[in-house]
Amino acid sequence: MSAPASTSTSTAAAPRDLDGLKAVLAVRLPARAAAAVADYEAFAAQAPPDDAKGFAAHHAACKAALAHVEAAVKLLRWAAPPEPAATAPDPEADDLARLIAEARAALSEDSDPHDHPTARPDPFEDDDAGGDQDDPDETGAEDP
């Protein structure tokens, strides 16, 4: 008995390692995912059958097509090479992370926020302390 013939229609050799597989998928999947989306849209645009069994089958077919598209998208994300901008450190992001950490630390302290070294003076501080002592109405004295 002879070995079964290859059913692959591709003339390229199959990838032999994970990086090769990722490279092949990154090239082939975008067109195939787009075709799957187009097929789904065409099928979903058809009126579903009127009977319950036919409607359920149509609905199940739509769900299966969406699952197929979702799987293709996940594979594309897995196979895609990392973006150069994502691998380079962003100095502004580091500054933002530092500022957020400082703000969280300041909020978590049980101290007065005005005691923080970078806090601005409170313009209403006199109002909070019981009022201006020069104004007789503020001290609680009655009018003569």
N, C-alpha and C. Protein backbone atom coordinates (compact mmCIF):
# COMPACT_ATOMS: atom_id res chain seq x y z
N MET A 1 0.84 -1.18 0.00
CA MET A 1 0.00 0.00 0.00
C MET A 1 0.88 1.23 0.00
N SER A 2 0.51 2.23 -0.77
CA SER A 2 1.33 3.44 -0.85
C SER A 2 0.86 4.48 0.15
N ALA A 3 1.72 5.47 0.41
CA ALA A 3 1.40 6.54 1.36
C ALA A 3 0.32 7.43 0.76
N PRO A 4 -0.57 7.96 1.61
CA PRO A 4 -1.63 8.82 1.09
C PRO A 4 -1.05 10.09 0.50
N ALA A 5 -1.70 10.57 -0.54
CA ALA A 5 -1.25 11.80 -1.20
C ALA A 5 -1.58 12.98 -0.31
N SER A 6 -0.76 14.00 -0.41
CA SER A 6 -0.99 15.22 0.38
C SER A 6 -2.20 15.95 -0.16
N THR A 7 -3.05 16.41 0.77
CA THR A 7 -4.26 17.12 0.35
C THR A 7 -4.05 18.63 0.38
N SER A 8 -2.86 19.07 0.70
CA SER A 8 -2.59 20.50 0.79
C SER A 8 -2.53 21.11 -0.60
N THR A 9 -3.16 22.25 -0.77
CA THR A 9 -3.14 22.93 -2.06
C THR A 9 -2.04 23.96 -2.11
N SER A 10 -1.34 24.18 -1.01
CA SER A 10 -0.27 25.16 -0.96
C SER A 10 1.02 24.55 -1.50
N THR A 11 1.77 25.34 -2.24
CA THR A 11 3.04 24.87 -2.77
C THR A 11 4.17 25.15 -1.79
N ALA A 12 3.93 25.96 -0.78
CA ALA A 12 4.97 26.27 0.20
C ALA A 12 5.07 25.13 1.21
N ALA A 13 6.27 24.93 1.71
CA ALA A 13 6.48 23.90 2.71
C ALA A 13 5.82 24.31 4.02
N ALA A 14 5.35 23.32 4.75
CA ALA A 14 4.72 23.58 6.04
C ALA A 14 5.78 24.09 7.01
N PRO A 15 5.39 25.02 7.87
CA PRO A 15 6.37 25.54 8.83
C PRO A 15 6.79 24.44 9.81
N ARG A 16 8.05 24.46 10.19
CA ARG A 16 8.58 23.41 11.05
C ARG A 16 8.73 23.86 12.51
N ASP A 17 8.52 25.13 12.81
CA ASP A 17 8.64 25.60 14.18
C ASP A 17 7.56 26.64 14.47
N LEU A 18 7.45 27.03 15.71
CA LEU A 18 6.40 27.95 16.12
C LEU A 18 6.53 29.32 15.45
N ASP A 19 7.75 29.82 15.35
CA ASP A 19 7.93 31.12 14.69
C ASP A 19 7.55 31.06 13.22
N GLY A 20 7.85 29.94 12.57
CA GLY A 20 7.45 29.76 11.18
C GLY A 20 5.94 29.72 11.03
N LEU A 21 5.26 29.03 11.96
CA LEU A 21 3.81 28.97 11.94
C LEU A 21 3.21 30.36 12.13
N LYS A 22 3.76 31.12 13.07
CA LYS A 22 3.26 32.48 13.29
C LYS A 22 3.42 33.33 12.04
N ALA A 23 4.55 33.20 11.37
CA ALA A 23 4.80 33.98 10.16
C ALA A 23 3.80 33.63 9.06
N VAL A 24 3.55 32.33 8.89
CA VAL A 24 2.59 31.89 7.87
C VAL A 24 1.19 32.40 8.20
N LEU A 25 0.78 32.26 9.46
CA LEU A 25 -0.55 32.73 9.86
C LEU A 25 -0.69 34.24 9.71
N ALA A 26 0.35 34.97 10.05
CA ALA A 26 0.29 36.42 9.94
C ALA A 26 0.08 36.87 8.50
N VAL A 27 0.54 36.07 7.56
CA VAL A 27 0.39 36.42 6.14
C VAL A 27 -0.97 35.95 5.61
N ARG A 28 -1.37 34.73 5.95
CA ARG A 28 -2.57 34.13 5.36
C ARG A 28 -3.88 34.55 6.03
N LEU A 29 -3.87 34.72 7.34
CA LEU A 29 -5.12 34.91 8.06
C LEU A 29 -5.87 36.21 7.78
N PRO A 30 -5.23 37.33 7.52
CA PRO A 30 -6.03 38.54 7.29
C PRO A 30 -7.05 38.38 6.15
N ALA A 31 -6.62 37.82 5.04
CA ALA A 31 -7.54 37.63 3.91
C ALA A 31 -8.62 36.60 4.25
N ARG A 32 -8.23 35.55 4.94
CA ARG A 32 -9.21 34.51 5.29
C ARG A 32 -10.20 35.01 6.34
N ALA A 33 -9.75 35.82 7.28
CA ALA A 33 -10.67 36.38 8.27
C ALA A 33 -11.64 37.35 7.60
N ALA A 34 -11.14 38.15 6.68
CA ALA A 34 -12.01 39.08 5.95
C ALA A 34 -13.05 38.31 5.15
N ALA A 35 -12.65 37.21 4.53
CA ALA A 35 -13.60 36.39 3.78
C ALA A 35 -14.63 35.77 4.71
N ALA A 36 -14.22 35.33 5.89
CA ALA A 36 -15.16 34.75 6.85
C ALA A 36 -16.17 35.80 7.31
N VAL A 37 -15.73 37.03 7.51
CA VAL A 37 -16.65 38.10 7.90
C VAL A 37 -17.64 38.39 6.77
N ALA A 38 -17.16 38.44 5.54
CA ALA A 38 -18.04 38.69 4.40
C ALA A 38 -19.07 37.56 4.26
N ASP A 39 -18.62 36.32 4.42
CA ASP A 39 -19.54 35.19 4.34
C ASP A 39 -20.58 35.25 5.45
N TYR A 40 -20.14 35.61 6.66
CA TYR A 40 -21.08 35.73 7.77
C TYR A 40 -22.11 36.81 7.49
N GLU A 41 -21.66 37.95 7.00
CA GLU A 41 -22.59 39.05 6.71
C GLU A 41 -23.62 38.63 5.67
N ALA A 42 -23.18 37.94 4.63
CA ALA A 42 -24.11 37.49 3.59
C ALA A 42 -25.11 36.48 4.14
N PHE A 43 -24.63 35.55 4.96
CA PHE A 43 -25.52 34.54 5.52
C PHE A 43 -26.50 35.15 6.52
N ALA A 44 -26.00 36.03 7.38
CA ALA A 44 -26.85 36.65 8.40
C ALA A 44 -27.88 37.58 7.79
N ALA A 45 -27.61 38.11 6.59
CA ALA A 45 -28.56 39.00 5.93
C ALA A 45 -29.74 38.24 5.34
N GLN A 46 -29.60 36.93 5.18
CA GLN A 46 -30.72 36.13 4.67
C GLN A 46 -31.82 36.06 5.72
N ALA A 47 -33.02 36.02 5.25
CA ALA A 47 -34.15 35.88 6.19
C ALA A 47 -34.12 34.49 6.79
N PRO A 48 -34.24 34.39 8.11
CA PRO A 48 -34.26 33.05 8.71
C PRO A 48 -35.54 32.32 8.36
N PRO A 49 -35.51 31.01 8.37
CA PRO A 49 -36.74 30.25 8.09
C PRO A 49 -37.84 30.57 9.11
N ASP A 50 -39.07 30.37 8.69
CA ASP A 50 -40.21 30.68 9.55
C ASP A 50 -40.45 29.64 10.63
N ASP A 51 -40.09 28.39 10.35
CA ASP A 51 -40.34 27.35 11.35
C ASP A 51 -39.27 27.41 12.45
N ALA A 52 -39.63 26.95 13.63
CA ALA A 52 -38.75 27.04 14.79
C ALA A 52 -37.45 26.27 14.59
N LYS A 53 -37.55 25.09 13.99
CA LYS A 53 -36.35 24.27 13.78
C LYS A 53 -35.39 24.95 12.80
N GLY A 54 -35.92 25.47 11.74
CA GLY A 54 -35.09 26.17 10.75
C GLY A 54 -34.48 27.45 11.31
N PHE A 55 -35.29 28.18 12.12
CA PHE A 55 -34.78 29.41 12.75
C PHE A 55 -33.63 29.08 13.69
N ALA A 56 -33.80 28.02 14.50
CA ALA A 56 -32.76 27.62 15.44
C ALA A 56 -31.49 27.21 14.69
N ALA A 57 -31.65 26.51 13.57
CA ALA A 57 -30.48 26.11 12.78
C ALA A 57 -29.78 27.33 12.19
N HIS A 58 -30.55 28.29 11.70
CA HIS A 58 -29.98 29.52 11.14
C HIS A 58 -29.23 30.28 12.23
N HIS A 59 -29.83 30.38 13.40
CA HIS A 59 -29.21 31.08 14.53
C HIS A 59 -27.91 30.38 14.95
N ALA A 60 -27.95 29.07 15.02
CA ALA A 60 -26.75 28.30 15.38
C ALA A 60 -25.65 28.47 14.35
N ALA A 61 -26.02 28.53 13.08
CA ALA A 61 -25.03 28.73 12.02
C ALA A 61 -24.40 30.11 12.13
N CYS A 62 -25.19 31.12 12.46
CA CYS A 62 -24.64 32.47 12.65
C CYS A 62 -23.66 32.49 13.82
N LYS A 63 -24.03 31.85 14.92
CA LYS A 63 -23.15 31.79 16.09
C LYS A 63 -21.85 31.07 15.75
N ALA A 64 -21.94 30.00 15.00
CA ALA A 64 -20.74 29.25 14.61
C ALA A 64 -19.84 30.09 13.72
N ALA A 65 -20.44 30.84 12.81
CA ALA A 65 -19.64 31.69 11.93
C ALA A 65 -18.94 32.78 12.74
N LEU A 66 -19.62 33.36 13.71
CA LEU A 66 -19.00 34.38 14.55
C LEU A 66 -17.87 33.78 15.39
N ALA A 67 -18.06 32.57 15.89
CA ALA A 67 -17.00 31.91 16.64
C ALA A 67 -15.78 31.67 15.76
N HIS A 68 -16.02 31.33 14.50
CA HIS A 68 -14.93 31.13 13.54
C HIS A 68 -14.16 32.44 13.34
N VAL A 69 -14.87 33.54 13.18
CA VAL A 69 -14.22 34.84 13.00
C VAL A 69 -13.44 35.21 14.26
N GLU A 70 -14.05 34.97 15.43
CA GLU A 70 -13.37 35.28 16.69
C GLU A 70 -12.07 34.48 16.83
N ALA A 71 -12.11 33.22 16.46
CA ALA A 71 -10.90 32.39 16.52
C ALA A 71 -9.83 32.91 15.57
N ALA A 72 -10.23 33.34 14.40
CA ALA A 72 -9.27 33.90 13.44
C ALA A 72 -8.64 35.17 13.99
N VAL A 73 -9.43 36.01 14.63
CA VAL A 73 -8.90 37.24 15.20
C VAL A 73 -7.91 36.93 16.33
N LYS A 74 -8.24 35.97 17.17
CA LYS A 74 -7.33 35.58 18.25
C LYS A 74 -6.02 35.05 17.68
N LEU A 75 -6.11 34.23 16.65
CA LEU A 75 -4.90 33.72 16.00
C LEU A 75 -4.08 34.84 15.38
N LEU A 76 -4.76 35.82 14.78
CA LEU A 76 -4.05 36.95 14.20
C LEU A 76 -3.30 37.73 15.27
N ARG A 77 -3.94 37.94 16.40
CA ARG A 77 -3.26 38.67 17.48
C ARG A 77 -2.06 37.88 18.00
N TRP A 78 -2.22 36.57 18.09
CA TRP A 78 -1.13 35.73 18.55
C TRP A 78 0.03 35.71 17.57
N ALA A 79 -0.30 35.67 16.28
CA ALA A 79 0.73 35.54 15.26
C ALA A 79 1.38 36.86 14.88
N ALA A 80 0.72 37.96 15.17
CA ALA A 80 1.24 39.26 14.75
C ALA A 80 2.55 39.57 15.46
N PRO A 81 3.51 40.12 14.71
CA PRO A 81 4.76 40.51 15.36
C PRO A 81 4.51 41.69 16.30
N PRO A 82 5.28 41.81 17.37
CA PRO A 82 5.06 42.93 18.29
C PRO A 82 5.35 44.25 17.60
N GLU A 83 4.55 45.24 17.96
CA GLU A 83 4.75 46.57 17.38
C GLU A 83 5.97 47.22 18.01
N PRO A 84 6.78 47.91 17.22
CA PRO A 84 7.98 48.54 17.78
C PRO A 84 7.67 49.57 18.85
N ALA A 85 6.59 50.31 18.68
CA ALA A 85 6.26 51.35 19.66
C ALA A 85 5.87 50.73 20.99
N ALA A 86 5.31 49.54 20.96
CA ALA A 86 4.87 48.89 22.19
C ALA A 86 6.05 48.37 23.00
N THR A 87 7.18 48.10 22.35
CA THR A 87 8.32 47.56 23.06
C THR A 87 9.24 48.65 23.60
N ALA A 88 9.19 49.85 23.03
CA ALA A 88 10.05 50.93 23.49
C ALA A 88 9.43 51.58 24.72
N PRO A 89 10.26 51.86 25.74
CA PRO A 89 9.70 52.52 26.93
C PRO A 89 9.28 53.95 26.60
N ASP A 90 8.19 54.36 27.18
CA ASP A 90 7.65 55.70 26.97
C ASP A 90 7.94 56.55 28.20
N PRO A 91 8.82 57.56 28.06
CA PRO A 91 9.15 58.36 29.25
C PRO A 91 7.95 59.09 29.83
N GLU A 92 7.02 59.51 28.98
CA GLU A 92 5.83 60.19 29.49
C GLU A 92 4.96 59.22 30.29
N ALA A 93 4.90 57.98 29.88
CA ALA A 93 4.13 57.00 30.62
C ALA A 93 4.76 56.75 31.99
N ASP A 94 6.10 56.75 32.05
CA ASP A 94 6.78 56.60 33.33
C ASP A 94 6.46 57.76 34.25
N ASP A 95 6.47 58.98 33.70
CA ASP A 95 6.13 60.16 34.50
C ASP A 95 4.69 60.09 34.98
N LEU A 96 3.80 59.67 34.11
CA LEU A 96 2.39 59.56 34.48
C LEU A 96 2.21 58.50 35.56
N ALA A 97 2.88 57.38 35.43
CA ALA A 97 2.79 56.33 36.44
C ALA A 97 3.33 56.84 37.78
N ARG A 98 4.41 57.61 37.75
CA ARG A 98 4.97 58.16 38.98
C ARG A 98 3.99 59.13 39.62
N LEU A 99 3.37 60.00 38.81
CA LEU A 99 2.41 60.97 39.34
C LEU A 99 1.20 60.27 39.95
N ILE A 100 0.73 59.23 39.28
CA ILE A 100 -0.42 58.48 39.81
C ILE A 100 -0.05 57.82 41.12
N ALA A 101 1.14 57.24 41.21
CA ALA A 101 1.58 56.59 42.44
C ALA A 101 1.69 57.61 43.57
N GLU A 102 2.22 58.79 43.27
CA GLU A 102 2.32 59.84 44.29
C GLU A 102 0.94 60.29 44.75
N ALA A 103 0.01 60.43 43.81
CA ALA A 103 -1.34 60.86 44.17
C ALA A 103 -2.02 59.81 45.03
N ARG A 104 -1.85 58.55 44.68
CA ARG A 104 -2.46 57.49 45.49
C ARG A 104 -1.86 57.47 46.90
N ALA A 105 -0.54 57.67 46.97
CA ALA A 105 0.10 57.67 48.28
C ALA A 105 -0.40 58.85 49.11
N ALA A 106 -0.57 59.99 48.47
CA ALA A 106 -1.05 61.17 49.19
C ALA A 106 -2.48 60.97 49.66
N LEU A 107 -3.30 60.34 48.86
CA LEU A 107 -4.69 60.11 49.24
C LEU A 107 -4.82 59.05 50.33
N SER A 108 -3.91 58.12 50.36
CA SER A 108 -4.01 57.05 51.34
C SER A 108 -3.51 57.48 52.71
N GLU A 109 -2.75 58.57 52.78
CA GLU A 109 -2.27 59.06 54.06
C GLU A 109 -3.43 59.60 54.87
N ASP A 110 -3.33 59.50 56.17
CA ASP A 110 -4.38 60.02 57.04
C ASP A 110 -4.12 61.47 57.41
N SER A 111 -3.31 62.14 56.65
CA SER A 111 -2.98 63.52 56.96
C SER A 111 -3.84 64.47 56.16
N ASP A 112 -3.75 65.72 56.53
CA ASP A 112 -4.47 66.77 55.84
C ASP A 112 -3.85 66.95 54.46
N PRO A 113 -4.65 67.00 53.39
CA PRO A 113 -4.07 67.14 52.05
C PRO A 113 -3.32 68.45 51.89
N HIS A 114 -3.60 69.45 52.74
CA HIS A 114 -2.90 70.73 52.63
C HIS A 114 -1.51 70.66 53.22
N ASP A 115 -1.19 69.58 53.94
CA ASP A 115 0.13 69.41 54.51
C ASP A 115 1.14 68.88 53.51
N HIS A 116 0.66 68.46 52.34
CA HIS A 116 1.56 67.91 51.32
C HIS A 116 2.51 69.00 50.86
N PRO A 117 3.79 68.69 50.62
CA PRO A 117 4.78 69.72 50.25
C PRO A 117 4.44 70.48 48.97
N THR A 118 3.67 69.89 48.06
CA THR A 118 3.35 70.58 46.81
C THR A 118 1.96 71.22 46.83
N ALA A 119 1.28 71.16 47.98
CA ALA A 119 -0.08 71.69 48.07
C ALA A 119 -0.05 73.21 48.05
N ARG A 120 -1.05 73.78 47.41
CA ARG A 120 -1.20 75.24 47.39
C ARG A 120 -1.94 75.67 48.64
N PRO A 121 -1.71 76.91 49.09
CA PRO A 121 -2.44 77.38 50.28
C PRO A 121 -3.93 77.43 50.01
N ASP A 122 -4.70 77.13 51.02
CA ASP A 122 -6.15 77.16 50.90
C ASP A 122 -6.63 78.59 51.02
N PRO A 123 -7.26 79.16 49.98
CA PRO A 123 -7.71 80.55 50.05
C PRO A 123 -8.85 80.74 51.04
N PHE A 124 -9.51 79.68 51.44
CA PHE A 124 -10.64 79.77 52.36
C PHE A 124 -10.27 79.30 53.76
N GLU A 125 -8.99 79.20 54.01
CA GLU A 125 -8.53 78.68 55.29
C GLU A 125 -9.07 79.51 56.46
N ASP A 126 -9.15 80.85 56.32
CA ASP A 126 -9.67 81.71 57.39
C ASP A 126 -11.12 81.38 57.69
N ASP A 127 -11.91 81.08 56.63
CA ASP A 127 -13.32 80.75 56.84
C ASP A 127 -13.45 79.46 57.64
N ASP A 128 -12.58 78.51 57.40
CA ASP A 128 -12.64 77.24 58.11
C ASP A 128 -12.21 77.37 59.57
N ALA A 129 -11.37 78.37 59.87
CA ALA A 129 -10.82 78.51 61.22
C ALA A 129 -11.72 79.32 62.14
N GLY A 130 -12.91 79.67 61.72
CA GLY A 130 -13.81 80.39 62.62
C GLY A 130 -14.05 81.82 62.20
N GLY A 131 -13.54 82.22 61.04
CA GLY A 131 -13.85 83.55 60.54
C GLY A 131 -12.76 84.56 60.83
N ASP A 132 -12.94 85.72 60.27
CA ASP A 132 -12.01 86.82 60.40
C ASP A 132 -12.28 87.52 61.73
N GLN A 133 -11.28 87.67 62.56
CA GLN A 133 -11.44 88.27 63.87
C GLN A 133 -11.68 89.77 63.80
N ASP A 134 -11.36 90.41 62.69
CA ASP A 134 -11.57 91.85 62.55
C ASP A 134 -13.02 92.18 62.25
N ASP A 135 -13.77 91.27 61.75
CA ASP A 135 -15.17 91.52 61.39
C ASP A 135 -16.03 91.13 62.59
N PRO A 136 -16.76 92.09 63.20
CA PRO A 136 -17.55 91.78 64.38
C PRO A 136 -18.65 90.76 64.09
N ASP A 137 -19.17 90.74 62.85
CA ASP A 137 -20.22 89.77 62.54
C ASP A 137 -19.68 88.33 62.57
N GLU A 138 -18.41 88.17 62.24
CA GLU A 138 -17.79 86.86 62.21
C GLU A 138 -17.43 86.36 63.60
N THR A 139 -17.25 87.26 64.57
CA THR A 139 -16.82 86.83 65.91
C THR A 139 -17.99 86.49 66.80
N GLY A 140 -19.19 86.76 66.36
CA GLY A 140 -20.34 86.44 67.15
C GLY A 140 -20.79 87.64 68.00
N ALA A 141 -20.12 88.79 67.88
CA ALA A 141 -20.53 89.97 68.65
C ALA A 141 -21.79 90.54 68.06
N GLU A 142 -22.66 91.06 68.94
CA GLU A 142 -23.91 91.63 68.47
C GLU A 142 -23.72 93.05 68.02
N ASP A 143 -24.61 93.50 67.14
CA ASP A 143 -24.54 94.88 66.66
C ASP A 143 -24.89 95.83 67.80
N PRO A 144 -24.24 97.02 67.86
CA PRO A 144 -24.55 97.95 68.95
C PRO A 144 -25.90 98.56 68.83
